Amino acid sequence: TEVRNRVFTIMGEGLWSHRKLSNGEIEVETLKMWHAKHLQG
């Protein structure tokens, strides 16, 4: 989980901070939209 948060932070390129990811301060819908756009496929 710690590694994934760091990877998501780097992949996000400033979209969110590592602190917010670690604290769960990310909207689920925002994560879903980002995942569909940048990770699927």
Full PDB file with SEQRES, HELIX, SHEET, SSBOND, CRYST1, ORIGX, SCALE, CONECT and MASTER records, all heavy atoms in Angstrom:
SEQRES   1 A   41  THR GLU VAL ARG ASN ARG VAL PHE THR ILE MET GLY GLU          
SEQRES   2 A   41  GLY LEU TRP SER HIS ARG LYS LEU SER ASN GLY GLU ILE          
SEQRES   3 A   41  GLU VAL GLU THR LEU LYS MET TRP HIS ALA LYS HIS LEU          
SEQRES   4 A   41  GLN GLY                                                      
HELIX    1 AA1 GLU A    2  GLY A   12  1                                  11    
HELIX    2 AA2 HIS A   18  ASN A   23  1                                   6    
HELIX    3 AA3 VAL A   28  HIS A   38  1                                  11    
CRYST1    1.000    1.000    1.000  90.00  90.00  90.00 P 1           1          
ORIGX1      1.000000  0.000000  0.000000        0.00000                         
ORIGX2      0.000000  1.000000  0.000000        0.00000                         
ORIGX3      0.000000  0.000000  1.000000        0.00000                         
SCALE1      1.000000  0.000000  0.000000        0.00000                         
SCALE2      0.000000  1.000000  0.000000        0.00000                         
SCALE3      0.000000  0.000000  1.000000        0.00000                         
ATOM      1  N   THR A   1       0.831  -1.209   0.000  1.00  0.00           N  
ATOM      2  CA  THR A   1       0.000   0.000   0.000  1.00  0.00           C  
ATOM      3  C   THR A   1       0.862   1.254   0.000  1.00  0.00           C  
ATOM      4  O   THR A   1       0.590   2.213  -0.734  1.00  0.00           O  
ATOM      5  CB  THR A   1      -0.930   0.008   1.228  1.00  0.00           C  
ATOM      6  OG1 THR A   1      -1.760  -1.149   1.197  1.00  0.00           O  
ATOM      7  CG2 THR A   1      -1.801   1.249   1.222  1.00  0.00           C  
ATOM      8  N   GLU A   2       1.913   1.249   0.806  1.00  0.00           N  
ATOM      9  CA  GLU A   2       2.820   2.397   0.841  1.00  0.00           C  
ATOM     10  C   GLU A   2       3.494   2.595  -0.517  1.00  0.00           C  
ATOM     11  O   GLU A   2       3.614   3.726  -1.003  1.00  0.00           O  
ATOM     12  CB  GLU A   2       3.883   2.191   1.920  1.00  0.00           C  
ATOM     13  CG  GLU A   2       3.358   2.245   3.339  1.00  0.00           C  
ATOM     14  CD  GLU A   2       4.441   1.958   4.366  1.00  0.00           C  
ATOM     15  OE1 GLU A   2       4.877   0.791   4.461  1.00  0.00           O  
ATOM     16  OE2 GLU A   2       4.856   2.898   5.052  1.00  0.00           O  
ATOM     17  N   VAL A   3       3.926   1.497  -1.120  1.00  0.00           N  
ATOM     18  CA  VAL A   3       4.572   1.599  -2.429  1.00  0.00           C  
ATOM     19  C   VAL A   3       3.573   2.089  -3.472  1.00  0.00           C  
ATOM     20  O   VAL A   3       3.886   2.944  -4.304  1.00  0.00           O  
ATOM     21  CB  VAL A   3       5.174   0.240  -2.850  1.00  0.00           C  
ATOM     22  CG1 VAL A   3       5.809   0.351  -4.240  1.00  0.00           C  
ATOM     23  CG2 VAL A   3       6.219  -0.222  -1.839  1.00  0.00           C  
ATOM     24  N   ARG A   4       2.357   1.552  -3.441  1.00  0.00           N  
ATOM     25  CA  ARG A   4       1.343   1.965  -4.414  1.00  0.00           C  
ATOM     26  C   ARG A   4       1.044   3.453  -4.302  1.00  0.00           C  
ATOM     27  O   ARG A   4       0.889   4.146  -5.323  1.00  0.00           O  
ATOM     28  CB  ARG A   4       0.061   1.164  -4.216  1.00  0.00           C  
ATOM     29  CG  ARG A   4      -1.034   1.512  -5.240  1.00  0.00           C  
ATOM     30  CD  ARG A   4      -2.267   0.662  -5.052  1.00  0.00           C  
ATOM     31  NE  ARG A   4      -2.817   0.835  -3.710  1.00  0.00           N  
ATOM     32  CZ  ARG A   4      -3.705   0.008  -3.167  1.00  0.00           C  
ATOM     33  NH1 ARG A   4      -4.128  -1.050  -3.827  1.00  0.00           N  
ATOM     34  NH2 ARG A   4      -4.149   0.227  -1.942  1.00  0.00           N  
ATOM     35  N   ASN A   5       0.956   3.985  -3.088  1.00  0.00           N  
ATOM     36  CA  ASN A   5       0.708   5.414  -2.918  1.00  0.00           C  
ATOM     37  C   ASN A   5       1.820   6.248  -3.543  1.00  0.00           C  
ATOM     38  O   ASN A   5       1.565   7.290  -4.156  1.00  0.00           O  
ATOM     39  CB  ASN A   5       0.562   5.754  -1.435  1.00  0.00           C  
ATOM     40  CG  ASN A   5      -0.756   5.292  -0.846  1.00  0.00           C  
ATOM     41  OD1 ASN A   5      -1.711   5.028  -1.590  1.00  0.00           O  
ATOM     42  ND2 ASN A   5      -0.824   5.172   0.472  1.00  0.00           N  
ATOM     43  N   ARG A   6       3.053   5.785  -3.401  1.00  0.00           N  
ATOM     44  CA  ARG A   6       4.175   6.505  -4.021  1.00  0.00           C  
ATOM     45  C   ARG A   6       4.098   6.414  -5.546  1.00  0.00           C  
ATOM     46  O   ARG A   6       4.336   7.408  -6.241  1.00  0.00           O  
ATOM     47  CB  ARG A   6       5.504   5.938  -3.522  1.00  0.00           C  
ATOM     48  CG  ARG A   6       5.788   6.223  -2.061  1.00  0.00           C  
ATOM     49  CD  ARG A   6       7.217   5.861  -1.681  1.00  0.00           C  
ATOM     50  NE  ARG A   6       7.505   6.174  -0.293  1.00  0.00           N  
ATOM     51  CZ  ARG A   6       8.724   6.232   0.229  1.00  0.00           C  
ATOM     52  NH1 ARG A   6       9.780   5.980  -0.543  1.00  0.00           N  
ATOM     53  NH2 ARG A   6       8.914   6.535   1.497  1.00  0.00           N  
ATOM     54  N   VAL A   7       3.765   5.235  -6.037  1.00  0.00           N  
ATOM     55  CA  VAL A   7       3.656   5.056  -7.490  1.00  0.00           C  
ATOM     56  C   VAL A   7       2.530   5.930  -8.045  1.00  0.00           C  
ATOM     57  O   VAL A   7       2.702   6.604  -9.079  1.00  0.00           O  
ATOM     58  CB  VAL A   7       3.419   3.570  -7.839  1.00  0.00           C  
ATOM     59  CG1 VAL A   7       3.068   3.410  -9.314  1.00  0.00           C  
ATOM     60  CG2 VAL A   7       4.656   2.743  -7.507  1.00  0.00           C  
ATOM     61  N   PHE A   8       1.388   5.942  -7.389  1.00  0.00           N  
ATOM     62  CA  PHE A   8       0.263   6.779  -7.830  1.00  0.00           C  
ATOM     63  C   PHE A   8       0.639   8.262  -7.795  1.00  0.00           C  
ATOM     64  O   PHE A   8       0.231   9.036  -8.658  1.00  0.00           O  
ATOM     65  CB  PHE A   8      -0.964   6.533  -6.950  1.00  0.00           C  
ATOM     66  CG  PHE A   8      -1.808   5.371  -7.389  1.00  0.00           C  
ATOM     67  CD1 PHE A   8      -1.358   4.479  -8.359  1.00  0.00           C  
ATOM     68  CD2 PHE A   8      -3.064   5.144  -6.835  1.00  0.00           C  
ATOM     69  CE1 PHE A   8      -2.137   3.405  -8.771  1.00  0.00           C  
ATOM     70  CE2 PHE A   8      -3.854   4.080  -7.244  1.00  0.00           C  
ATOM     71  CZ  PHE A   8      -3.381   3.198  -8.209  1.00  0.00           C  
ATOM     72  N   THR A   9       1.427   8.656  -6.788  1.00  0.00           N  
ATOM     73  CA  THR A   9       1.866  10.047  -6.695  1.00  0.00           C  
ATOM     74  C   THR A   9       2.716  10.424  -7.910  1.00  0.00           C  
ATOM     75  O   THR A   9       2.520  11.476  -8.524  1.00  0.00           O  
ATOM     76  CB  THR A   9       2.685  10.271  -5.407  1.00  0.00           C  
ATOM     77  OG1 THR A   9       1.878   9.957  -4.272  1.00  0.00           O  
ATOM     78  CG2 THR A   9       3.140  11.715  -5.303  1.00  0.00           C  
ATOM     79  N   ILE A  10       3.647   9.542  -8.271  1.00  0.00           N  
ATOM     80  CA  ILE A  10       4.520   9.808  -9.422  1.00  0.00           C  
ATOM     81  C   ILE A  10       3.728   9.762 -10.718  1.00  0.00           C  
ATOM     82  O   ILE A  10       3.885  10.626 -11.592  1.00  0.00           O  
ATOM     83  CB  ILE A  10       5.680   8.794  -9.448  1.00  0.00           C  
ATOM     84  CG1 ILE A  10       6.539   8.930  -8.192  1.00  0.00           C  
ATOM     85  CG2 ILE A  10       6.542   8.990 -10.696  1.00  0.00           C  
ATOM     86  CD1 ILE A  10       7.547   7.816  -7.997  1.00  0.00           C  
ATOM     87  N   MET A  11       2.846   8.778 -10.856  1.00  0.00           N  
ATOM     88  CA  MET A  11       2.018   8.681 -12.059  1.00  0.00           C  
ATOM     89  C   MET A  11       1.091   9.885 -12.212  1.00  0.00           C  
ATOM     90  O   MET A  11       0.807  10.329 -13.326  1.00  0.00           O  
ATOM     91  CB  MET A  11       1.178   7.399 -12.014  1.00  0.00           C  
ATOM     92  CG  MET A  11       1.924   6.114 -12.261  1.00  0.00           C  
ATOM     93  SD  MET A  11       0.778   4.695 -12.186  1.00  0.00           S  
ATOM     94  CE  MET A  11       1.851   3.357 -12.716  1.00  0.00           C  
ATOM     95  N   GLY A  12       0.611  10.407 -11.058  1.00  0.00           N  
ATOM     96  CA  GLY A  12      -0.344  11.519 -11.101  1.00  0.00           C  
ATOM     97  C   GLY A  12       0.245  12.825 -11.582  1.00  0.00           C  
ATOM     98  O   GLY A  12      -0.496  13.724 -11.999  1.00  0.00           O  
ATOM     99  N   GLU A  13       1.575  12.951 -11.518  1.00  0.00           N  
ATOM    100  CA  GLU A  13       2.269  14.145 -12.020  1.00  0.00           C  
ATOM    101  C   GLU A  13       1.659  15.440 -11.477  1.00  0.00           C  
ATOM    102  O   GLU A  13       1.354  16.380 -12.215  1.00  0.00           O  
ATOM    103  CB  GLU A  13       2.266  14.161 -13.550  1.00  0.00           C  
ATOM    104  CG  GLU A  13       2.996  12.978 -14.165  1.00  0.00           C  
ATOM    105  CD  GLU A  13       2.984  12.995 -15.686  1.00  0.00           C  
ATOM    106  OE1 GLU A  13       2.040  13.581 -16.262  1.00  0.00           O  
ATOM    107  OE2 GLU A  13       3.917  12.433 -16.291  1.00  0.00           O  
ATOM    108  N   GLY A  14       1.467  15.487 -10.149  1.00  0.00           N  
ATOM    109  CA  GLY A  14       0.967  16.690  -9.510  1.00  0.00           C  
ATOM    110  C   GLY A  14      -0.535  16.739  -9.325  1.00  0.00           C  
ATOM    111  O   GLY A  14      -1.066  17.693  -8.744  1.00  0.00           O  
ATOM    112  N   LEU A  15      -1.250  15.724  -9.810  1.00  0.00           N  
ATOM    113  CA  LEU A  15      -2.704  15.717  -9.681  1.00  0.00           C  
ATOM    114  C   LEU A  15      -3.133  15.657  -8.215  1.00  0.00           C  
ATOM    115  O   LEU A  15      -4.145  16.232  -7.814  1.00  0.00           O  
ATOM    116  CB  LEU A  15      -3.292  14.529 -10.448  1.00  0.00           C  
ATOM    117  CG  LEU A  15      -4.817  14.369 -10.415  1.00  0.00           C  
ATOM    118  CD1 LEU A  15      -5.487  15.581 -11.068  1.00  0.00           C  
ATOM    119  CD2 LEU A  15      -5.248  13.089 -11.136  1.00  0.00           C  
ATOM    120  N   TRP A  16      -2.338  14.948  -7.411  1.00  0.00           N  
ATOM    121  CA  TRP A  16      -2.600  14.865  -5.979  1.00  0.00           C  
ATOM    122  C   TRP A  16      -1.264  14.725  -5.250  1.00  0.00           C  
ATOM    123  O   TRP A  16      -0.237  14.435  -5.847  1.00  0.00           O  
ATOM    124  CB  TRP A  16      -3.499  13.683  -5.645  1.00  0.00           C  
ATOM    125  CG  TRP A  16      -3.159  12.439  -6.432  1.00  0.00           C  
ATOM    126  CD1 TRP A  16      -1.945  11.856  -6.577  1.00  0.00           C  
ATOM    127  CD2 TRP A  16      -4.069  11.669  -7.211  1.00  0.00           C  
ATOM    128  NE1 TRP A  16      -2.027  10.757  -7.381  1.00  0.00           N  
ATOM    129  CE2 TRP A  16      -3.325  10.616  -7.788  1.00  0.00           C  
ATOM    130  CE3 TRP A  16      -5.438  11.744  -7.472  1.00  0.00           C  
ATOM    131  CZ2 TRP A  16      -3.898   9.662  -8.607  1.00  0.00           C  
ATOM    132  CZ3 TRP A  16      -6.006  10.804  -8.283  1.00  0.00           C  
ATOM    133  CH2 TRP A  16      -5.247   9.772  -8.843  1.00  0.00           C  
ATOM    134  N   SER A  17      -1.288  14.955  -3.968  1.00  0.00           N  
ATOM    135  CA  SER A  17      -0.057  14.860  -3.184  1.00  0.00           C  
ATOM    136  C   SER A  17       0.033  13.487  -2.531  1.00  0.00           C  
ATOM    137  O   SER A  17      -0.973  12.800  -2.324  1.00  0.00           O  
ATOM    138  CB  SER A  17      -0.034  15.939  -2.091  1.00  0.00           C  
ATOM    139  OG  SER A  17      -1.026  15.670  -1.099  1.00  0.00           O  
ATOM    140  N   HIS A  18       1.248  13.109  -2.190  1.00  0.00           N  
ATOM    141  CA  HIS A  18       1.465  11.845  -1.502  1.00  0.00           C  
ATOM    142  C   HIS A  18       0.799  11.875  -0.132  1.00  0.00           C  
ATOM    143  O   HIS A  18       0.247  10.862   0.333  1.00  0.00           O  
ATOM    144  CB  HIS A  18       2.970  11.579  -1.366  1.00  0.00           C  
ATOM    145  CG  HIS A  18       3.291  10.319  -0.639  1.00  0.00           C  
ATOM    146  ND1 HIS A  18       3.794  10.296   0.645  1.00  0.00           N  
ATOM    147  CD2 HIS A  18       3.145   9.016  -0.999  1.00  0.00           C  
ATOM    148  CE1 HIS A  18       3.970   9.046   1.036  1.00  0.00           C  
ATOM    149  NE2 HIS A  18       3.594   8.245   0.064  1.00  0.00           N  
ATOM    150  N   ARG A  19       0.808  13.028   0.504  1.00  0.00           N  
ATOM    151  CA  ARG A  19       0.183  13.160   1.814  1.00  0.00           C  
ATOM    152  C   ARG A  19      -1.307  12.861   1.741  1.00  0.00           C  
ATOM    153  O   ARG A  19      -1.852  12.121   2.568  1.00  0.00           O  
ATOM    154  CB  ARG A  19       0.424  14.570   2.362  1.00  0.00           C  
ATOM    155  CG  ARG A  19      -0.244  14.837   3.716  1.00  0.00           C  
ATOM    156  CD  ARG A  19      -0.044  16.274   4.133  1.00  0.00           C  
ATOM    157  NE  ARG A  19      -0.571  17.196   3.134  1.00  0.00           N  
ATOM    158  CZ  ARG A  19      -1.860  17.493   3.012  1.00  0.00           C  
ATOM    159  NH1 ARG A  19      -2.758  16.926   3.805  1.00  0.00           N  
ATOM    160  NH2 ARG A  19      -2.266  18.350   2.090  1.00  0.00           N  
ATOM    161  N   LYS A  20      -1.974  13.420   0.729  1.00  0.00           N  
ATOM    162  CA  LYS A  20      -3.419  13.195   0.600  1.00  0.00           C  
ATOM    163  C   LYS A  20      -3.727  11.733   0.273  1.00  0.00           C  
ATOM    164  O   LYS A  20      -4.699  11.165   0.780  1.00  0.00           O  
ATOM    165  CB  LYS A  20      -3.995  14.116  -0.462  1.00  0.00           C  
ATOM    166  CG  LYS A  20      -4.094  15.572  -0.029  1.00  0.00           C  
ATOM    167  CD  LYS A  20      -4.824  16.416  -1.066  1.00  0.00           C  
ATOM    168  CE  LYS A  20      -5.007  17.842  -0.576  1.00  0.00           C  
ATOM    169  NZ  LYS A  20      -5.764  18.676  -1.553  1.00  0.00           N  
ATOM    170  N   LEU A  21      -2.914  11.130  -0.575  1.00  0.00           N  
ATOM    171  CA  LEU A  21      -3.118   9.718  -0.886  1.00  0.00           C  
ATOM    172  C   LEU A  21      -2.962   8.858   0.362  1.00  0.00           C  
ATOM    173  O   LEU A  21      -3.766   7.950   0.626  1.00  0.00           O  
ATOM    174  CB  LEU A  21      -2.127   9.266  -1.957  1.00  0.00           C  
ATOM    175  CG  LEU A  21      -2.467   9.566  -3.416  1.00  0.00           C  
ATOM    176  CD1 LEU A  21      -1.282   9.226  -4.301  1.00  0.00           C  
ATOM    177  CD2 LEU A  21      -3.697   8.784  -3.866  1.00  0.00           C  
ATOM    178  N   SER A  22      -1.924   9.145   1.140  1.00  0.00           N  
ATOM    179  CA  SER A  22      -1.655   8.348   2.345  1.00  0.00           C  
ATOM    180  C   SER A  22      -2.740   8.516   3.388  1.00  0.00           C  
ATOM    181  O   SER A  22      -3.037   7.585   4.147  1.00  0.00           O  
ATOM    182  CB  SER A  22      -0.291   8.743   2.931  1.00  0.00           C  
ATOM    183  OG  SER A  22       0.748   8.502   2.000  1.00  0.00           O  
ATOM    184  N   ASN A  23      -3.345   9.704   3.432  1.00  0.00           N  
ATOM    185  CA  ASN A  23      -4.392   9.974   4.414  1.00  0.00           C  
ATOM    186  C   ASN A  23      -5.787   9.649   3.902  1.00  0.00           C  
ATOM    187  O   ASN A  23      -6.780   9.861   4.611  1.00  0.00           O  
ATOM    188  CB  ASN A  23      -4.340  11.445   4.843  1.00  0.00           C  
ATOM    189  CG  ASN A  23      -3.082  11.779   5.617  1.00  0.00           C  
ATOM    190  OD1 ASN A  23      -2.462  10.898   6.225  1.00  0.00           O  
ATOM    191  ND2 ASN A  23      -2.681  13.044   5.609  1.00  0.00           N  
ATOM    192  N   GLY A  24      -5.882   9.158   2.672  1.00  0.00           N  
ATOM    193  CA  GLY A  24      -7.185   8.814   2.121  1.00  0.00           C  
ATOM    194  C   GLY A  24      -8.034  10.014   1.768  1.00  0.00           C  
ATOM    195  O   GLY A  24      -9.271   9.917   1.738  1.00  0.00           O  
ATOM    196  N   GLU A  25      -7.398  11.153   1.486  1.00  0.00           N  
ATOM    197  CA  GLU A  25      -8.133  12.386   1.207  1.00  0.00           C  
ATOM    198  C   GLU A  25      -8.373  12.563  -0.299  1.00  0.00           C  
ATOM    199  O   GLU A  25      -8.316  13.673  -0.827  1.00  0.00           O  
ATOM    200  CB  GLU A  25      -7.361  13.588   1.765  1.00  0.00           C  
ATOM    201  CG  GLU A  25      -7.153  13.529   3.278  1.00  0.00           C  
ATOM    202  CD  GLU A  25      -6.265  14.645   3.789  1.00  0.00           C  
ATOM    203  OE1 GLU A  25      -5.951  15.565   2.997  1.00  0.00           O  
ATOM    204  OE2 GLU A  25      -5.879  14.606   4.970  1.00  0.00           O  
ATOM    205  N   ILE A  26      -8.643  11.486  -0.980  1.00  0.00           N  
ATOM    206  CA  ILE A  26      -8.877  11.517  -2.420  1.00  0.00           C  
ATOM    207  C   ILE A  26     -10.305  11.052  -2.695  1.00  0.00           C  
ATOM    208  O   ILE A  26     -10.752  10.031  -2.158  1.00  0.00           O  
ATOM    209  CB  ILE A  26      -7.880  10.600  -3.168  1.00  0.00           C  
ATOM    210  CG1 ILE A  26      -6.444  11.020  -2.861  1.00  0.00           C  
ATOM    211  CG2 ILE A  26      -8.139  10.626  -4.665  1.00  0.00           C  
ATOM    212  CD1 ILE A  26      -6.084  12.396  -3.349  1.00  0.00           C  
ATOM    213  N   GLU A  27     -11.023  11.815  -3.511  1.00  0.00           N  
ATOM    214  CA  GLU A  27     -12.376  11.417  -3.878  1.00  0.00           C  
ATOM    215  C   GLU A  27     -12.337  10.158  -4.745  1.00  0.00           C  
ATOM    216  O   GLU A  27     -11.543  10.071  -5.689  1.00  0.00           O  
ATOM    217  CB  GLU A  27     -13.077  12.547  -4.632  1.00  0.00           C  
ATOM    218  CG  GLU A  27     -13.333  13.794  -3.803  1.00  0.00           C  
ATOM    219  CD  GLU A  27     -14.349  13.542  -2.701  1.00  0.00           C  
ATOM    220  OE1 GLU A  27     -15.188  12.622  -2.873  1.00  0.00           O  
ATOM    221  OE2 GLU A  27     -14.308  14.252  -1.680  1.00  0.00           O  
ATOM    222  N   VAL A  28     -13.181   9.189  -4.424  1.00  0.00           N  
ATOM    223  CA  VAL A  28     -13.197   7.927  -5.153  1.00  0.00           C  
ATOM    224  C   VAL A  28     -13.506   8.155  -6.632  1.00  0.00           C  
ATOM    225  O   VAL A  28     -12.891   7.524  -7.509  1.00  0.00           O  
ATOM    226  CB  VAL A  28     -14.226   6.956  -4.539  1.00  0.00           C  
ATOM    227  CG1 VAL A  28     -14.353   5.698  -5.395  1.00  0.00           C  
ATOM    228  CG2 VAL A  28     -13.831   6.584  -3.115  1.00  0.00           C  
ATOM    229  N   GLU A  29     -14.424   9.064  -6.931  1.00  0.00           N  
ATOM    230  CA  GLU A  29     -14.784   9.325  -8.325  1.00  0.00           C  
ATOM    231  C   GLU A  29     -13.608   9.915  -9.096  1.00  0.00           C  
ATOM    232  O   GLU A  29     -13.411   9.603 -10.273  1.00  0.00           O  
ATOM    233  CB  GLU A  29     -15.993  10.262  -8.394  1.00  0.00           C  
ATOM    234  CG  GLU A  29     -17.301   9.619  -7.966  1.00  0.00           C  
ATOM    235  CD  GLU A  29     -17.607   8.356  -8.768  1.00  0.00           C  
ATOM    236  OE1 GLU A  29     -17.424   8.381 -10.010  1.00  0.00           O  
ATOM    237  OE2 GLU A  29     -18.027   7.353  -8.157  1.00  0.00           O  
ATOM    238  N   THR A  30     -12.826  10.761  -8.421  1.00  0.00           N  
ATOM    239  CA  THR A  30     -11.630  11.332  -9.056  1.00  0.00           C  
ATOM    240  C   THR A  30     -10.638  10.231  -9.399  1.00  0.00           C  
ATOM    241  O   THR A  30     -10.050  10.210 -10.491  1.00  0.00           O  
ATOM    242  CB  THR A  30     -10.958  12.351  -8.120  1.00  0.00           C  
ATOM    243  OG1 THR A  30     -11.881  13.394  -7.809  1.00  0.00           O  
ATOM    244  CG2 THR A  30      -9.715  12.956  -8.776  1.00  0.00           C  
ATOM    245  N   LEU A  31     -10.467   9.287  -8.460  1.00  0.00           N  
ATOM    246  CA  LEU A  31      -9.557   8.163  -8.685  1.00  0.00           C  
ATOM    247  C   LEU A  31     -10.055   7.290  -9.837  1.00  0.00           C  
ATOM    248  O   LEU A  31      -9.260   6.854 -10.686  1.00  0.00           O  
ATOM    249  CB  LEU A  31      -9.432   7.336  -7.409  1.00  0.00           C  
ATOM    250  CG  LEU A  31      -8.462   6.145  -7.455  1.00  0.00           C  
ATOM    251  CD1 LEU A  31      -7.044   6.622  -7.711  1.00  0.00           C  
ATOM    252  CD2 LEU A  31      -8.530   5.356  -6.147  1.00  0.00           C  
ATOM    253  N   LYS A  32     -11.362   7.049  -9.895  1.00  0.00           N  
ATOM    254  CA  LYS A  32     -11.924   6.221 -10.965  1.00  0.00           C  
ATOM    255  C   LYS A  32     -11.716   6.870 -12.326  1.00  0.00           C  
ATOM    256  O   LYS A  32     -11.342   6.200 -13.302  1.00  0.00           O  
ATOM    257  CB  LYS A  32     -13.413   5.986 -10.717  1.00  0.00           C  
ATOM    258  CG  LYS A  32     -13.722   5.013  -9.594  1.00  0.00           C  
ATOM    259  CD  LYS A  32     -15.230   4.816  -9.454  1.00  0.00           C  
ATOM    260  CE  LYS A  32     -15.575   3.811  -8.375  1.00  0.00           C  
ATOM    261  NZ  LYS A  32     -17.051   3.648  -8.239  1.00  0.00           N  
ATOM    262  N   MET A  33     -11.958   8.175 -12.421  1.00  0.00           N  
ATOM    263  CA  MET A  33     -11.795   8.888 -13.690  1.00  0.00           C  
ATOM    264  C   MET A  33     -10.338   8.876 -14.135  1.00  0.00           C  
ATOM    265  O   MET A  33     -10.028   8.647 -15.310  1.00  0.00           O  
ATOM    266  CB  MET A  33     -12.301  10.330 -13.549  1.00  0.00           C  
ATOM    267  CG  MET A  33     -13.815  10.444 -13.384  1.00  0.00           C  
ATOM    268  SD  MET A  33     -14.352  12.137 -13.051  1.00  0.00           S  
ATOM    269  CE  MET A  33     -13.764  12.964 -14.532  1.00  0.00           C  
ATOM    270  N   TRP A  34      -9.438   9.097 -13.169  1.00  0.00           N  
ATOM    271  CA  TRP A  34      -8.005   9.082 -13.497  1.00  0.00           C  
ATOM    272  C   TRP A  34      -7.569   7.687 -13.944  1.00  0.00           C  
ATOM    273  O   TRP A  34      -6.821   7.541 -14.905  1.00  0.00           O  
ATOM    274  CB  TRP A  34      -7.204   9.525 -12.272  1.00  0.00           C  
ATOM    275  CG  TRP A  34      -5.717   9.394 -12.454  1.00  0.00           C  
ATOM    276  CD1 TRP A  34      -4.895  10.221 -13.158  1.00  0.00           C  
ATOM    277  CD2 TRP A  34      -4.883   8.350 -11.923  1.00  0.00           C  
ATOM    278  NE1 TRP A  34      -3.604   9.765 -13.092  1.00  0.00           N  
ATOM    279  CE2 TRP A  34      -3.558   8.626 -12.346  1.00  0.00           C  
ATOM    280  CE3 TRP A  34      -5.121   7.237 -11.130  1.00  0.00           C  
ATOM    281  CZ2 TRP A  34      -2.493   7.811 -11.995  1.00  0.00           C  
ATOM    282  CZ3 TRP A  34      -4.055   6.420 -10.790  1.00  0.00           C  
ATOM    283  CH2 TRP A  34      -2.762   6.706 -11.224  1.00  0.00           C  
ATOM    284  N   HIS A  35      -8.052   6.671 -13.258  1.00  0.00           N  
ATOM    285  CA  HIS A  35      -7.701   5.288 -13.598  1.00  0.00           C  
ATOM    286  C   HIS A  35      -8.176   4.944 -15.010  1.00  0.00           C  
ATOM    287  O   HIS A  35      -7.438   4.355 -15.806  1.00  0.00           O  
ATOM    288  CB  HIS A  35      -8.320   4.334 -12.577  1.00  0.00           C  
ATOM    289  CG  HIS A  35      -7.939   2.905 -12.777  1.00  0.00           C  
ATOM    290  ND1 HIS A  35      -8.555   2.082 -13.701  1.00  0.00           N  
ATOM    291  CD2 HIS A  35      -6.992   2.138 -12.173  1.00  0.00           C  
ATOM    292  CE1 HIS A  35      -8.020   0.886 -13.656  1.00  0.00           C  
ATOM    293  NE2 HIS A  35      -7.068   0.880 -12.742  1.00  0.00           N  
ATOM    294  N   ALA A  36      -9.405   5.324 -15.335  1.00  0.00           N  
ATOM    295  CA  ALA A  36      -9.956   5.011 -16.658  1.00  0.00           C  
ATOM    296  C   ALA A  36      -9.167   5.715 -17.765  1.00  0.00           C  
ATOM    297  O   ALA A  36      -8.980   5.163 -18.851  1.00  0.00           O  
ATOM    298  CB  ALA A  36     -11.424   5.425 -16.720  1.00  0.00           C  
ATOM    299  N   LYS A  37      -8.675   6.918 -17.469  1.00  0.00           N  
ATOM    300  CA  LYS A  37      -7.984   7.699 -18.481  1.00  0.00           C  
ATOM    301  C   LYS A  37      -6.524   7.317 -18.643  1.00  0.00           C  
ATOM    302  O   LYS A  37      -5.994   7.293 -19.761  1.00  0.00           O  
ATOM    303  CB  LYS A  37      -8.087   9.183 -18.141  1.00  0.00           C  
ATOM    304  CG  LYS A  37      -7.461  10.102 -19.189  1.00  0.00           C  
ATOM    305  CD  LYS A  37      -7.667  11.568 -18.829  1.00  0.00           C  
ATOM    306  CE  LYS A  37      -7.042  12.482 -19.887  1.00  0.00           C  
ATOM    307  NZ  LYS A  37      -7.232  13.927 -19.543  1.00  0.00           N  
ATOM    308  N   HIS A  38      -5.868   6.976 -17.533  1.00  0.00           N  
ATOM    309  CA  HIS A  38      -4.413   6.807 -17.571  1.00  0.00           C  
ATOM    310  C   HIS A  38      -3.920   5.380 -17.343  1.00  0.00           C  
ATOM    311  O   HIS A  38      -2.773   5.068 -17.697  1.00  0.00           O  
ATOM    312  CB  HIS A  38      -3.754   7.724 -16.530  1.00  0.00           C  
ATOM    313  CG  HIS A  38      -3.972   9.179 -16.775  1.00  0.00           C  
ATOM    314  ND1 HIS A  38      -3.296   9.890 -17.747  1.00  0.00           N  
ATOM    315  CD2 HIS A  38      -4.826  10.057 -16.190  1.00  0.00           C  
ATOM    316  CE1 HIS A  38      -3.692  11.151 -17.740  1.00  0.00           C  
ATOM    317  NE2 HIS A  38      -4.622  11.291 -16.802  1.00  0.00           N  
ATOM    318  N   LEU A  39      -4.725   4.506 -16.747  1.00  0.00           N  
ATOM    319  CA  LEU A  39      -4.230   3.174 -16.405  1.00  0.00           C  
ATOM    320  C   LEU A  39      -4.856   2.047 -17.218  1.00  0.00           C  
ATOM    321  O   LEU A  39      -4.192   1.029 -17.463  1.00  0.00           O  
ATOM    322  CB  LEU A  39      -4.447   2.884 -14.910  1.00  0.00           C  
ATOM    323  CG  LEU A  39      -3.274   3.264 -13.993  1.00  0.00           C  
ATOM    324  CD1 LEU A  39      -3.034   4.758 -14.021  1.00  0.00           C  
ATOM    325  CD2 LEU A  39      -3.542   2.808 -12.560  1.00  0.00           C  
ATOM    326  N   GLN A  40      -6.087   2.195 -17.628  1.00  0.00           N  
ATOM    327  CA  GLN A  40      -6.733   1.118 -18.376  1.00  0.00           C  
ATOM    328  C   GLN A  40      -6.041   0.898 -19.717  1.00  0.00           C  
ATOM    329  O   GLN A  40      -5.742   1.846 -20.442  1.00  0.00           O  
ATOM    330  CB  GLN A  40      -8.210   1.442 -18.598  1.00  0.00           C  
ATOM    331  CG  GLN A  40      -9.072   1.215 -17.368  1.00  0.00           C  
ATOM    332  CD  GLN A  40     -10.554   1.356 -17.648  1.00  0.00           C  
ATOM    333  OE1 GLN A  40     -10.951   1.696 -18.764  1.00  0.00           O  
ATOM    334  NE2 GLN A  40     -11.377   1.086 -16.645  1.00  0.00           N  
ATOM    335  N   GLY A  41      -5.791  -0.374 -20.013  1.00  0.00           N  
ATOM    336  CA  GLY A  41      -5.144  -0.711 -21.267  1.00  0.00           C  
ATOM    337  C   GLY A  41      -3.641  -0.558 -21.252  1.00  0.00           C  
ATOM    338  O   GLY A  41      -2.965  -0.793 -22.263  1.00  0.00           O  
TER     339      GLY A  41                                                      
MASTER        0    0    0    3    0    0    0    6  338    1    0    4          
END                                                                             
